[in-house]
Amino acid sequence: MDYEVARLAVSPAAGFPPADLTSVRITFVMATAGVGGGTLVVAEHAQRLIRLGHQVQVVSAPIKPGTLREKLSSWTRSAGKQTRHPSVFDEYGVDHRVLDRSRPVEDRDVPDADVVIATWWETAEWIANFGPEKGAKAYFIQHHEVFPYLPVERCRATYRLPFHKIVIAQWLRQVMASEYGDTAVDLVPNSVDKTRFFAPERGKQPVPTVGLLYSPTPFKALDVSLAALQAVRSRLPNLRILSFGSMRPLPQFPLPAGTDFFLSPPRDKIRNIYDQCDVWVTASRSEGFNLPAMEAMACRTPVVSTRTGWPAEAIVSGSNGVLVDIDDVEAIASGIEWVLAQSPDAWERLSANAFSTVASSSWDASAKLFEGALLNACARAARREIAGGVGKSLVH
């Protein structure tokens, strides 16, 4: 990702910010805040915005217990009070307020601030009702949320709200322009934490090894990945498969026999999964970004991916991995086999190129871009181009 090009997208208006601006009061509003990738991205930005001198608070509804057993367990553990589920914000040292029960976040739940940020289509609906004293209204968009299992028209309507939009990928900026007529959109690409995701130079594994994320979310196309792996194993019976995920494998999506599966591994252990793989596979039908692909590359693992999200912008077939068409099981299988068939020297070049692809990325650089985008939001609110007011710290 060319950060200089991205930085040009966040050039504040002339005369802004004021010379006396030292701290912006920022509120992120989240539907829930667990341990998923989207939450992690918010946590990375929140932590670094605090380091840059800003005041940051995250407000979310609690995670709903799913089954009756989970609800009873939650109730028992908390003696009838709402249980606070662990969140990445805990380890990042970010002020995180969780509501007492599952409901929309309301105006009274958030502090007065300079900017308030929606992070999901529902939170955009909530923030639309906030008063101007809660801050300039921004929308942090990590995917185009128009999936059939969501209320599509309501989701689309949130992208038409008078908010300042911040997106994580070039394709999302193009969608905001082409489908919603908004060209004043800031691009802030994700990065990878190189203190957590790294690996020394290495050669191919003694046994050919492929890895994947286990997620039954429909757009992740787990069914396609599993079909491709079965095809590869039929031709390479000794294929080793590694996988991790936040839930146990489902009967309708069983992992191939002998797969080494890791349930919710600590994030500093996930790199050990990546760096045991000769190739990482992701067959998503749609992606906002695809952080696991970037993390795998940071651990020197070539990636076979469909043409969606960040991989579509970053992978060059034959150089750092392989790009294939969506829903093409045989092409994914062929891509995996091609990587595994490379000579030791050729594979090491693929590995080095994968590592180089993400070498210039940095969460600190991304956070500076995010800071600039928030200043843009405040400036636009002051000019009444978007909804929300201007907080005290932005007034001369």
Protein backbone atom coordinates (compact mmCIF):
# COMPACT_ATOMS: atom_id res chain seq x y z
CA MET A 1 0.00 0.00 0.00
CA ASP A 2 1.38 3.42 -0.97
CA TYR A 3 0.99 5.44 2.21
CA GLU A 4 2.05 8.68 0.52
CA VAL A 5 -0.79 8.30 -1.96
CA ALA A 6 -3.20 7.49 0.86
CA ARG A 7 -2.00 10.49 2.86
CA LEU A 8 -3.01 12.83 0.05
CA ALA A 9 -6.61 11.82 0.73
CA VAL A 10 -6.52 13.38 4.20
CA SER A 11 -5.39 16.93 3.60
CA PRO A 12 -7.31 19.12 6.09
CA ALA A 13 -8.98 22.28 4.86
CA ALA A 14 -6.91 25.45 4.72
CA GLY A 15 -6.58 27.03 8.15
CA PHE A 16 -7.53 23.83 9.96
CA PRO A 17 -6.84 22.53 12.53
CA PRO A 18 -6.53 25.58 14.82
CA ALA A 19 -3.07 26.33 16.13
CA ASP A 20 -4.15 25.63 19.71
CA LEU A 21 -5.49 22.15 18.96
CA THR A 22 -3.75 19.66 21.25
CA SER A 23 -6.37 17.00 21.92
CA VAL A 24 -9.51 15.80 20.21
CA ARG A 25 -12.23 14.04 22.20
CA ILE A 26 -13.17 10.90 20.29
CA THR A 27 -15.96 8.36 20.86
CA PHE A 28 -16.20 5.06 19.01
CA VAL A 29 -19.66 3.48 19.14
CA MET A 30 -19.81 -0.27 18.60
CA ALA A 31 -22.69 -2.75 18.49
CA THR A 32 -20.57 -5.21 20.49
CA ALA A 33 -16.87 -5.41 21.22
CA GLY A 34 -15.47 -8.91 21.40
CA VAL A 35 -12.30 -10.33 19.87
CA GLY A 36 -13.06 -10.17 16.12
CA GLY A 37 -10.93 -8.57 13.44
CA GLY A 38 -13.09 -5.46 13.07
CA THR A 39 -12.88 -4.81 16.81
CA LEU A 40 -9.13 -5.35 16.70
CA VAL A 41 -8.74 -2.67 14.03
CA VAL A 42 -10.69 -0.17 16.15
CA ALA A 43 -8.53 -1.07 19.17
CA GLU A 44 -5.31 -0.51 17.21
CA HIS A 45 -6.46 2.96 16.17
CA ALA A 46 -7.87 3.84 19.59
CA GLN A 47 -4.64 2.95 21.38
CA ARG A 48 -2.50 4.96 18.97
CA LEU A 49 -4.84 7.96 18.99
CA ILE A 50 -4.37 8.04 22.76
CA ARG A 51 -0.60 7.97 22.26
CA LEU A 52 -0.99 10.92 19.88
CA GLY A 53 -2.53 12.90 22.74
CA HIS A 54 -6.25 12.46 22.08
CA GLN A 55 -9.00 11.44 24.51
CA VAL A 56 -10.68 8.22 23.38
CA GLN A 57 -13.64 6.29 24.72
CA VAL A 58 -15.36 3.22 23.27
CA VAL A 59 -19.04 2.62 24.06
CA SER A 60 -20.74 -0.66 23.16
CA ALA A 61 -23.69 -2.87 23.96
CA PRO A 62 -22.84 -6.17 25.68
CA ILE A 63 -22.40 -9.39 23.74
CA LYS A 64 -25.59 -11.41 23.86
CA PRO A 65 -25.27 -14.95 25.26
CA GLY A 66 -26.42 -17.23 22.45
CA THR A 67 -27.90 -20.47 23.77
CA LEU A 68 -30.11 -20.94 26.83
CA ARG A 69 -27.20 -22.67 28.55
CA GLU A 70 -24.93 -19.66 27.86
CA LYS A 71 -27.58 -17.29 29.20
CA LEU A 72 -28.04 -19.33 32.38
CA SER A 73 -24.27 -19.61 32.83
CA SER A 74 -23.86 -15.86 32.37
CA TRP A 75 -26.64 -15.19 34.85
CA THR A 76 -25.18 -17.61 37.42
CA ARG A 77 -21.62 -16.29 37.17
CA SER A 78 -22.76 -12.70 37.65
CA ALA A 79 -25.38 -13.40 40.35
CA GLY A 80 -28.08 -11.96 38.14
CA LYS A 81 -26.03 -9.03 36.81
CA GLN A 82 -24.83 -8.44 33.26
CA THR A 83 -21.54 -10.24 32.58
CA ARG A 84 -18.86 -8.18 30.83
CA HIS A 85 -17.27 -10.33 28.14
CA PRO A 86 -13.54 -9.93 27.54
CA SER A 87 -12.56 -7.56 24.75
CA VAL A 88 -9.37 -6.57 22.99
CA PHE A 89 -9.83 -3.10 24.49
CA ASP A 90 -8.94 -4.57 27.87
CA GLU A 91 -5.42 -5.50 26.79
CA TYR A 92 -5.00 -2.28 24.78
CA GLY A 93 -5.74 -0.06 27.77
CA VAL A 94 -8.60 1.77 26.05
CA ASP A 95 -11.48 3.22 28.09
CA HIS A 96 -14.37 0.94 27.17
CA ARG A 97 -17.88 1.40 28.55
CA VAL A 98 -20.31 -1.51 28.13
CA LEU A 99 -24.03 -0.85 28.55
CA ASP A 100 -25.89 -2.65 31.32
CA ARG A 101 -28.00 -4.60 28.82
CA SER A 102 -28.30 -5.26 25.11
CA ARG A 103 -29.95 -2.21 23.53
CA PRO A 104 -29.09 0.63 21.14
CA VAL A 105 -26.49 3.11 22.36
CA GLU A 106 -28.26 6.40 22.99
CA ASP A 107 -27.26 10.03 23.25
CA ARG A 108 -27.23 9.84 27.07
CA ASP A 109 -24.76 6.92 26.98
CA VAL A 110 -21.89 8.78 25.34
CA PRO A 111 -19.84 11.75 26.51
CA ASP A 112 -19.81 15.13 24.80
CA ALA A 113 -16.99 14.99 22.28
CA ASP A 114 -15.45 16.51 19.17
CA VAL A 115 -16.11 13.51 16.94
CA VAL A 116 -18.28 10.39 17.31
CA ILE A 117 -17.64 7.39 15.08
CA ALA A 118 -20.07 4.71 13.87
CA THR A 119 -18.42 1.34 13.25
CA TRP A 120 -21.31 -0.77 11.86
CA TRP A 121 -24.58 -0.05 10.07
CA GLU A 122 -26.66 -0.30 13.26
CA THR A 123 -24.38 2.10 15.09
CA ALA A 124 -24.74 4.56 12.21
CA GLU A 125 -28.51 4.51 12.76
CA TRP A 126 -27.96 5.14 16.47
CA ILE A 127 -25.52 7.99 15.95
CA ALA A 128 -27.87 9.69 13.49
CA ASN A 129 -30.07 10.53 16.50
CA PHE A 130 -27.27 12.01 18.62
CA GLY A 131 -27.20 15.73 19.41
CA PRO A 132 -24.50 18.01 17.96
CA GLU A 133 -22.66 18.19 21.29
CA LYS A 134 -21.63 14.54 20.82
CA GLY A 135 -19.35 15.63 18.01
CA ALA A 136 -18.89 15.60 14.27
CA LYS A 137 -20.36 12.37 12.89
CA ALA A 138 -17.97 9.97 11.20
CA TYR A 139 -18.52 6.46 9.81
CA PHE A 140 -15.65 3.95 9.92
CA ILE A 141 -16.50 1.51 7.13
CA GLN A 142 -14.73 -1.86 7.14
CA HIS A 143 -17.05 -3.58 4.63
CA HIS A 144 -19.96 -2.82 2.31
CA GLU A 145 -22.61 -4.38 4.54
CA VAL A 146 -25.27 -5.37 2.00
CA PHE A 147 -25.49 -9.08 2.74
CA PRO A 148 -28.75 -11.02 2.32
CA TYR A 149 -28.84 -11.95 6.02
CA LEU A 150 -29.00 -8.21 6.90
CA PRO A 151 -31.76 -5.64 6.23
CA VAL A 152 -30.12 -4.50 3.01
CA GLU A 153 -32.09 -1.30 2.41
CA ARG A 154 -31.49 -0.09 5.95
CA CYS A 155 -27.79 -0.84 5.52
CA ARG A 156 -27.67 1.08 2.25
CA ALA A 157 -29.47 4.02 3.85
CA THR A 158 -26.67 4.40 6.42
CA TYR A 159 -24.16 5.09 3.65
CA ARG A 160 -26.32 8.04 2.58
CA LEU A 161 -26.28 9.65 6.02
CA PRO A 162 -24.44 13.00 6.22
CA PHE A 163 -21.40 11.51 7.96
CA HIS A 164 -17.72 11.79 7.11
CA LYS A 165 -16.71 8.35 5.80
CA ILE A 166 -13.42 6.60 6.53
CA VAL A 167 -12.74 3.37 4.63
CA ILE A 168 -10.03 0.72 4.89
CA ALA A 169 -9.60 -0.20 1.22
CA GLN A 170 -9.57 1.47 -2.18
CA TRP A 171 -12.50 -0.65 -3.41
CA LEU A 172 -14.67 0.70 -0.59
CA ARG A 173 -13.83 4.27 -1.52
CA GLN A 174 -14.86 3.49 -5.09
CA VAL A 175 -18.16 2.00 -3.88
CA MET A 176 -18.92 5.07 -1.77
CA ALA A 177 -18.38 7.25 -4.85
CA SER A 178 -20.13 5.12 -7.46
CA GLU A 179 -23.12 3.90 -5.44
CA TYR A 180 -23.66 6.73 -2.96
CA GLY A 181 -22.19 9.76 -4.71
CA ASP A 182 -19.74 10.54 -1.89
CA THR A 183 -16.24 11.43 -3.05
CA ALA A 184 -15.11 13.16 0.17
CA VAL A 185 -14.03 9.83 1.65
CA ASP A 186 -10.76 9.19 3.47
CA LEU A 187 -8.79 5.99 2.91
CA VAL A 188 -7.01 4.58 5.97
CA PRO A 189 -5.58 1.15 5.14
CA ASN A 190 -5.17 -1.47 7.83
CA SER A 191 -1.77 -2.68 8.88
CA VAL A 192 -0.28 -5.56 10.83
CA ASP A 193 1.28 -5.55 14.29
CA LYS A 194 4.85 -6.59 13.53
CA THR A 195 5.61 -7.19 17.19
CA ARG A 196 3.07 -10.03 17.04
CA PHE A 197 3.27 -11.21 13.43
CA PHE A 198 6.78 -11.95 12.20
CA ALA A 199 8.94 -14.92 11.29
CA PRO A 200 12.59 -15.54 10.44
CA GLU A 201 13.58 -16.56 6.94
CA ARG A 202 12.77 -20.20 6.43
CA GLY A 203 12.43 -22.94 3.86
CA LYS A 204 9.53 -25.17 2.91
CA GLN A 205 8.06 -27.49 5.50
CA PRO A 206 9.18 -31.15 5.44
CA VAL A 207 5.50 -32.06 4.92
CA PRO A 208 3.49 -29.80 2.55
CA THR A 209 1.35 -27.62 4.81
CA VAL A 210 -1.58 -25.32 4.12
CA GLY A 211 -3.49 -23.09 6.56
CA LEU A 212 -6.88 -21.39 6.66
CA LEU A 213 -9.15 -19.43 8.97
CA TYR A 214 -12.22 -21.38 10.06
CA SER A 215 -15.20 -19.03 9.79
CA PRO A 216 -18.68 -20.12 8.65
CA THR A 217 -19.71 -16.53 7.91
CA PRO A 218 -21.26 -16.87 4.43
CA PHE A 219 -19.06 -14.34 2.64
CA LYS A 220 -15.92 -16.13 3.89
CA ALA A 221 -16.83 -19.07 1.57
CA LEU A 222 -15.54 -21.74 3.91
CA ASP A 223 -17.33 -24.31 1.76
CA VAL A 224 -15.14 -23.36 -1.19
CA SER A 225 -11.91 -23.55 0.82
CA LEU A 226 -12.82 -26.98 2.18
CA ALA A 227 -13.74 -28.30 -1.27
CA ALA A 228 -10.41 -27.07 -2.65
CA LEU A 229 -8.49 -28.68 0.19
CA GLN A 230 -10.24 -31.99 -0.38
CA ALA A 231 -9.26 -31.80 -4.04
CA VAL A 232 -5.62 -31.08 -3.16
CA ARG A 233 -5.50 -33.88 -0.60
CA SER A 234 -6.86 -36.34 -3.16
CA ARG A 235 -3.69 -35.65 -5.16
CA LEU A 236 -1.35 -35.02 -2.20
CA PRO A 237 -2.44 -37.52 0.47
CA ASN A 238 0.24 -36.36 2.92
CA LEU A 239 -1.04 -32.76 2.91
CA ARG A 240 -1.02 -31.25 6.40
CA ILE A 241 -3.79 -28.74 7.19
CA LEU A 242 -3.72 -26.15 9.99
CA SER A 243 -6.68 -24.00 10.96
CA PHE A 244 -7.85 -21.71 13.72
CA GLY A 245 -11.12 -19.98 14.51
CA SER A 246 -13.31 -18.52 17.23
CA MET A 247 -15.78 -21.43 17.18
CA ARG A 248 -15.57 -25.19 17.01
CA PRO A 249 -16.05 -26.72 13.54
CA LEU A 250 -19.69 -27.25 12.62
CA PRO A 251 -21.11 -30.57 11.36
CA GLN A 252 -22.14 -28.92 8.08
CA PHE A 253 -18.58 -27.66 7.54
CA PRO A 254 -16.29 -30.44 8.80
CA LEU A 255 -12.55 -29.97 8.49
CA PRO A 256 -10.65 -32.66 6.56
CA ALA A 257 -9.56 -35.63 8.66
CA GLY A 258 -6.37 -35.01 10.59
CA THR A 259 -6.58 -31.20 10.49
CA ASP A 260 -4.80 -29.48 13.39
CA PHE A 261 -7.43 -27.05 14.65
CA PHE A 262 -6.82 -24.34 17.27
CA LEU A 263 -9.81 -22.80 19.03
CA SER A 264 -9.43 -19.08 19.78
CA PRO A 265 -5.64 -19.18 20.14
CA PRO A 266 -3.99 -16.16 21.80
CA ARG A 267 -3.05 -13.63 19.14
CA ASP A 268 0.65 -13.91 19.93
CA LYS A 269 0.37 -17.66 19.21
CA ILE A 270 -1.38 -17.26 15.86
CA ARG A 271 1.91 -16.37 14.19
CA ASN A 272 3.16 -19.86 15.05
CA ILE A 273 0.32 -21.22 12.92
CA TYR A 274 1.15 -18.93 10.01
CA ASP A 275 4.85 -19.67 10.07
CA GLN A 276 4.28 -23.44 9.96
CA CYS A 277 2.47 -23.08 6.63
CA ASP A 278 3.85 -23.23 3.11
CA VAL A 279 0.71 -21.46 1.84
CA TRP A 280 -2.29 -19.69 3.35
CA VAL A 281 -5.65 -19.96 1.60
CA THR A 282 -8.64 -17.63 1.67
CA ALA A 283 -11.59 -18.15 -0.69
CA SER A 284 -13.83 -15.26 0.40
CA ARG A 285 -16.66 -14.14 -1.85
CA SER A 286 -16.35 -10.67 -0.33
CA GLU A 287 -13.91 -8.99 2.04
CA GLY A 288 -13.64 -5.54 3.50
CA PHE A 289 -9.90 -6.05 3.95
CA ASN A 290 -8.79 -9.58 5.04
CA LEU A 291 -6.33 -9.12 7.89
CA PRO A 292 -5.36 -12.83 8.14
CA ALA A 293 -3.93 -12.68 4.61
CA MET A 294 -1.79 -9.70 5.61
CA GLU A 295 -0.73 -11.37 8.86
CA ALA A 296 0.25 -14.54 7.01
CA MET A 297 2.43 -12.51 4.63
CA ALA A 298 4.06 -10.76 7.59
CA CYS A 299 4.99 -14.27 8.73
CA ARG A 300 6.56 -14.96 5.29
CA THR A 301 3.75 -17.20 4.03
CA PRO A 302 2.55 -16.88 0.40
CA VAL A 303 -1.23 -16.54 0.03
CA VAL A 304 -3.71 -18.06 -2.41
CA SER A 305 -6.77 -15.81 -2.46
CA THR A 306 -9.84 -14.88 -4.42
CA ARG A 307 -9.96 -11.42 -6.01
CA THR A 308 -11.57 -9.51 -3.17
CA GLY A 309 -10.52 -7.12 -0.42
CA TRP A 310 -6.87 -6.30 0.25
CA PRO A 311 -5.49 -9.42 -1.48
CA ALA A 312 -6.94 -8.20 -4.80
CA GLU A 313 -4.80 -5.07 -4.44
CA ALA A 314 -1.68 -6.68 -2.95
CA ILE A 315 -1.17 -10.13 -4.46
CA VAL A 316 0.65 -10.54 -7.74
CA SER A 317 0.18 -14.07 -9.02
CA GLY A 318 3.45 -15.93 -9.24
CA SER A 319 5.29 -13.34 -7.17
CA ASN A 320 3.92 -13.40 -3.60
CA GLY A 321 1.00 -15.82 -4.01
CA VAL A 322 -1.83 -16.58 -6.41
CA LEU A 323 -5.06 -14.70 -7.19
CA VAL A 324 -8.07 -16.62 -8.50
CA ASP A 325 -11.70 -15.98 -9.35
CA ILE A 326 -14.41 -16.14 -6.70
CA ASP A 327 -16.09 -19.56 -6.24
CA ASP A 328 -13.55 -21.30 -8.49
CA VAL A 329 -12.74 -24.40 -6.42
CA GLU A 330 -10.38 -25.93 -8.95
CA ALA A 331 -8.46 -22.67 -9.44
CA ILE A 332 -7.93 -22.40 -5.69
CA ALA A 333 -6.79 -26.02 -5.53
CA SER A 334 -4.44 -25.46 -8.49
CA GLY A 335 -3.04 -22.33 -6.82
CA ILE A 336 -2.31 -24.25 -3.62
CA GLU A 337 -0.66 -27.05 -5.59
CA TRP A 338 1.40 -24.59 -7.60
CA VAL A 339 2.86 -23.01 -4.46
CA LEU A 340 3.54 -26.42 -2.91
CA ALA A 341 5.23 -27.63 -6.11
CA GLN A 342 7.81 -24.82 -6.18
CA SER A 343 11.44 -25.73 -5.73
CA PRO A 344 12.98 -24.76 -2.37
CA ASP A 345 14.67 -21.71 -3.92
CA ALA A 346 11.54 -20.62 -5.79
CA TRP A 347 9.39 -21.01 -2.67
CA GLU A 348 11.86 -18.95 -0.65
CA ARG A 349 11.53 -16.17 -3.25
CA LEU A 350 7.73 -16.34 -2.91
CA SER A 351 8.12 -16.17 0.86
CA ALA A 352 10.47 -13.18 0.69
CA ASN A 353 8.13 -11.36 -1.70
CA ALA A 354 5.15 -12.01 0.58
CA PHE A 355 7.09 -10.51 3.48
CA SER A 356 8.15 -7.50 1.39
CA THR A 357 4.53 -6.84 0.43
CA VAL A 358 3.68 -5.78 3.98
CA ALA A 359 7.09 -4.55 5.11
CA SER A 360 6.25 -0.86 4.68
CA SER A 361 2.87 -1.04 6.42
CA SER A 362 2.59 0.37 9.93
CA TRP A 363 -0.23 0.86 12.42
CA ASP A 364 1.46 4.10 13.49
CA ALA A 365 1.27 5.39 9.91
CA SER A 366 -2.34 4.24 9.63
CA ALA A 367 -3.22 5.94 12.92
CA LYS A 368 -1.78 9.23 11.66
CA LEU A 369 -4.01 8.92 8.61
CA PHE A 370 -6.97 8.15 10.88
CA GLU A 371 -6.15 11.24 12.95
CA GLY A 372 -6.14 13.34 9.78
CA ALA A 373 -9.48 11.87 8.74
CA LEU A 374 -11.01 12.81 12.10
CA LEU A 375 -9.70 16.35 11.76
CA ASN A 376 -11.33 16.43 8.33
CA ALA A 377 -14.60 15.36 9.94
CA CYS A 378 -14.38 18.17 12.48
CA ALA A 379 -13.59 20.71 9.77
CA ARG A 380 -16.48 19.52 7.61
CA ALA A 381 -18.88 19.70 10.57
CA ALA A 382 -17.76 23.26 11.23
CA ARG A 383 -18.64 24.08 7.60
CA ARG A 384 -21.98 22.23 8.02
CA GLU A 385 -21.07 19.76 5.28
CA ILE A 386 -21.81 16.83 7.58
CA ALA A 387 -23.91 16.29 10.69
CA GLY A 388 -22.73 16.92 14.22
CA GLY A 389 -21.21 19.82 16.04
CA VAL A 390 -17.75 21.08 16.85
CA GLY A 391 -16.46 20.42 20.35
CA LYS A 392 -14.74 22.86 22.67
CA SER A 393 -11.20 21.84 21.76
CA LEU A 394 -11.75 22.93 18.15
CA VAL A 395 -13.04 26.42 18.96
CA HIS A 396 -10.66 29.36 18.88
